């Protein structure tokens, strides 16, 4: 019972990323997190190979990509979460991204920055 209220320990980088004022969220087809994380560790631009998915069409399983950034896009952090029925089942580590990568990902969803 007491374990329900236990707070997870966050790194300084995670705390800093969460303090950034803006977020953008997009969804991709579900892929196992370990495969995605291995691919991103090799080359962060492999995120562009993931297939976008419409959240409303497939709420059961999807990868949620969360960008956290500041107003001038000088600091951008990206993290992917595996979600099942809108519940987080795991997430990757934080990745530092640049404006071009964020722009290219969002363009796949018809968004422009």
C-alpha atoms as a PDB file:
ATOM      1  CA  UNK A   1       0.000   0.000   0.000  1.00  0.00           C
ATOM      2  CA  UNK A   2       2.752   2.446   0.845  1.00  0.00           C
ATOM      3  CA  UNK A   3       4.460   1.676  -2.453  1.00  0.00           C
ATOM      4  CA  UNK A   4       1.649   3.458  -4.317  1.00  0.00           C
ATOM      5  CA  UNK A   5       2.865   6.822  -3.080  1.00  0.00           C
ATOM      6  CA  UNK A   6       6.555   6.261  -3.771  1.00  0.00           C
ATOM      7  CA  UNK A   7       8.004   8.910  -6.052  1.00  0.00           C
ATOM      8  CA  UNK A   8      10.312   7.841  -8.834  1.00  0.00           C
ATOM      9  CA  UNK A   9      13.715   9.480  -8.850  1.00  0.00           C
ATOM     10  CA  UNK A  10      14.280  11.756 -11.808  1.00  0.00           C
ATOM     11  CA  UNK A  11      17.617  12.903 -13.105  1.00  0.00           C
ATOM     12  CA  UNK A  12      18.515  16.571 -13.260  1.00  0.00           C
ATOM     13  CA  UNK A  13      18.155  16.418 -17.038  1.00  0.00           C
ATOM     14  CA  UNK A  14      14.588  15.056 -16.741  1.00  0.00           C
ATOM     15  CA  UNK A  15      13.666  17.747 -14.212  1.00  0.00           C
ATOM     16  CA  UNK A  16      15.102  20.422 -16.479  1.00  0.00           C
ATOM     17  CA  UNK A  17      13.256  19.065 -19.538  1.00  0.00           C
ATOM     18  CA  UNK A  18       9.968  19.026 -17.623  1.00  0.00           C
ATOM     19  CA  UNK A  19      10.520  22.647 -16.611  1.00  0.00           C
ATOM     20  CA  UNK A  20      10.610  23.788 -20.256  1.00  0.00           C
ATOM     21  CA  UNK A  21       7.446  25.737 -21.092  1.00  0.00           C
ATOM     22  CA  UNK A  22       6.273  24.066 -24.329  1.00  0.00           C
ATOM     23  CA  UNK A  23       5.405  20.513 -25.398  1.00  0.00           C
ATOM     24  CA  UNK A  24       4.350  18.874 -28.652  1.00  0.00           C
ATOM     25  CA  UNK A  25       3.056  15.314 -28.772  1.00  0.00           C
ATOM     26  CA  UNK A  26       2.749  13.030 -31.801  1.00  0.00           C
ATOM     27  CA  UNK A  27       2.009   9.316 -32.150  1.00  0.00           C
ATOM     28  CA  UNK A  28       3.712   6.547 -34.109  1.00  0.00           C
ATOM     29  CA  UNK A  29       2.919   2.908 -34.860  1.00  0.00           C
ATOM     30  CA  UNK A  30       3.834   0.709 -31.888  1.00  0.00           C
ATOM     31  CA  UNK A  31       7.332  -0.780 -31.964  1.00  0.00           C
ATOM     32  CA  UNK A  32       9.107  -2.410 -29.001  1.00  0.00           C
ATOM     33  CA  UNK A  33      10.918   0.231 -26.962  1.00  0.00           C
ATOM     34  CA  UNK A  34      14.218  -1.636 -26.864  1.00  0.00           C
ATOM     35  CA  UNK A  35      14.389  -1.693 -30.672  1.00  0.00           C
ATOM     36  CA  UNK A  36      13.483   1.991 -30.927  1.00  0.00           C
ATOM     37  CA  UNK A  37      16.000   2.953 -28.263  1.00  0.00           C
ATOM     38  CA  UNK A  38      18.791   0.965 -29.952  1.00  0.00           C
ATOM     39  CA  UNK A  39      18.002   2.651 -33.269  1.00  0.00           C
ATOM     40  CA  UNK A  40      17.913   6.123 -31.682  1.00  0.00           C
ATOM     41  CA  UNK A  41      21.209   5.500 -29.872  1.00  0.00           C
ATOM     42  CA  UNK A  42      22.827   4.679 -33.227  1.00  0.00           C
ATOM     43  CA  UNK A  43      21.283   7.630 -35.082  1.00  0.00           C
ATOM     44  CA  UNK A  44      18.618   9.919 -33.637  1.00  0.00           C
ATOM     45  CA  UNK A  45      17.306  10.692 -37.136  1.00  0.00           C
ATOM     46  CA  UNK A  46      15.954   7.124 -37.407  1.00  0.00           C
ATOM     47  CA  UNK A  47      12.818   8.514 -35.759  1.00  0.00           C
ATOM     48  CA  UNK A  48      11.961   9.803 -39.234  1.00  0.00           C
ATOM     49  CA  UNK A  49      11.555   6.184 -40.395  1.00  0.00           C
ATOM     50  CA  UNK A  50       8.720   5.533 -37.918  1.00  0.00           C
ATOM     51  CA  UNK A  51       5.191   5.539 -39.318  1.00  0.00           C
ATOM     52  CA  UNK A  52       2.810   8.200 -38.025  1.00  0.00           C
ATOM     53  CA  UNK A  53      -0.499   7.013 -36.642  1.00  0.00           C
ATOM     54  CA  UNK A  54      -3.797   8.731 -35.947  1.00  0.00           C
ATOM     55  CA  UNK A  55      -4.354   8.636 -32.187  1.00  0.00           C
ATOM     56  CA  UNK A  56      -8.125   8.468 -32.557  1.00  0.00           C
ATOM     57  CA  UNK A  57      -7.927   5.491 -34.906  1.00  0.00           C
ATOM     58  CA  UNK A  58      -5.580   3.379 -32.741  1.00  0.00           C
ATOM     59  CA  UNK A  59      -5.828   4.148 -29.049  1.00  0.00           C
ATOM     60  CA  UNK A  60      -4.918   0.597 -28.015  1.00  0.00           C
ATOM     61  CA  UNK A  61      -1.150   0.628 -28.630  1.00  0.00           C
ATOM     62  CA  UNK A  62       1.088   3.401 -29.916  1.00  0.00           C
ATOM     63  CA  UNK A  63       4.375   5.189 -29.386  1.00  0.00           C
ATOM     64  CA  UNK A  64       3.943   8.688 -28.029  1.00  0.00           C
ATOM     65  CA  UNK A  65       6.733  11.086 -28.918  1.00  0.00           C
ATOM     66  CA  UNK A  66       6.931  14.057 -26.557  1.00  0.00           C
ATOM     67  CA  UNK A  67       8.988  17.117 -27.451  1.00  0.00           C
ATOM     68  CA  UNK A  68       9.740  19.579 -24.656  1.00  0.00           C
ATOM     69  CA  UNK A  69      11.241  22.869 -25.750  1.00  0.00           C
ATOM     70  CA  UNK A  70      11.660  26.547 -25.015  1.00  0.00           C
ATOM     71  CA  UNK A  71      10.348  29.506 -26.979  1.00  0.00           C
ATOM     72  CA  UNK A  72      13.317  29.973 -29.295  1.00  0.00           C
ATOM     73  CA  UNK A  73      13.880  26.221 -29.881  1.00  0.00           C
ATOM     74  CA  UNK A  74      17.428  26.459 -28.521  1.00  0.00           C
ATOM     75  CA  UNK A  75      16.719  23.580 -26.119  1.00  0.00           C
ATOM     76  CA  UNK A  76      14.695  20.610 -27.311  1.00  0.00           C
ATOM     77  CA  UNK A  77      14.317  17.259 -25.574  1.00  0.00           C
ATOM     78  CA  UNK A  78      12.566  14.261 -27.076  1.00  0.00           C
ATOM     79  CA  UNK A  79      11.287  11.116 -25.352  1.00  0.00           C
ATOM     80  CA  UNK A  80       9.210   8.203 -26.617  1.00  0.00           C
ATOM     81  CA  UNK A  81       6.674   6.371 -24.475  1.00  0.00           C
ATOM     82  CA  UNK A  82       5.020   3.061 -25.268  1.00  0.00           C
ATOM     83  CA  UNK A  83       1.334   3.436 -24.432  1.00  0.00           C
ATOM     84  CA  UNK A  84      -1.398   0.837 -24.213  1.00  0.00           C
ATOM     85  CA  UNK A  85      -4.971   2.032 -23.650  1.00  0.00           C
ATOM     86  CA  UNK A  86      -3.562   5.462 -22.750  1.00  0.00           C
ATOM     87  CA  UNK A  87      -1.409   4.023 -19.950  1.00  0.00           C
ATOM     88  CA  UNK A  88       2.356   4.385 -20.110  1.00  0.00           C
ATOM     89  CA  UNK A  89       4.035   0.974 -20.245  1.00  0.00           C
ATOM     90  CA  UNK A  90       7.598   2.238 -20.581  1.00  0.00           C
ATOM     91  CA  UNK A  91       9.666   5.054 -22.027  1.00  0.00           C
ATOM     92  CA  UNK A  92      13.034   5.753 -23.558  1.00  0.00           C
ATOM     93  CA  UNK A  93      15.663   7.994 -22.086  1.00  0.00           C
ATOM     94  CA  UNK A  94      15.640  11.684 -22.979  1.00  0.00           C
ATOM     95  CA  UNK A  95      17.306  12.636 -26.237  1.00  0.00           C
ATOM     96  CA  UNK A  96      18.553  16.111 -27.014  1.00  0.00           C
ATOM     97  CA  UNK A  97      17.205  17.112 -30.420  1.00  0.00           C
ATOM     98  CA  UNK A  98      17.663  20.096 -32.684  1.00  0.00           C
ATOM     99  CA  UNK A  99      15.108  22.302 -34.372  1.00  0.00           C
ATOM    100  CA  UNK A 100      15.583  20.655 -37.779  1.00  0.00           C
ATOM    101  CA  UNK A 101      14.820  17.179 -36.433  1.00  0.00           C
ATOM    102  CA  UNK A 102      11.735  18.405 -34.570  1.00  0.00           C
ATOM    103  CA  UNK A 103      10.577  20.245 -37.697  1.00  0.00           C
ATOM    104  CA  UNK A 104      11.033  17.136 -39.860  1.00  0.00           C
ATOM    105  CA  UNK A 105       9.119  14.924 -37.408  1.00  0.00           C
ATOM    106  CA  UNK A 106       6.239  17.375 -37.094  1.00  0.00           C
ATOM    107  CA  UNK A 107       6.002  17.738 -40.877  1.00  0.00           C
ATOM    108  CA  UNK A 108       5.108  14.056 -41.080  1.00  0.00           C
ATOM    109  CA  UNK A 109       1.960  15.033 -39.154  1.00  0.00           C
ATOM    110  CA  UNK A 110       1.174  18.111 -41.221  1.00  0.00           C
ATOM    111  CA  UNK A 111       2.474  20.510 -38.575  1.00  0.00           C
ATOM    112  CA  UNK A 112       4.997  23.217 -39.264  1.00  0.00           C
ATOM    113  CA  UNK A 113       7.214  25.203 -36.917  1.00  0.00           C
END
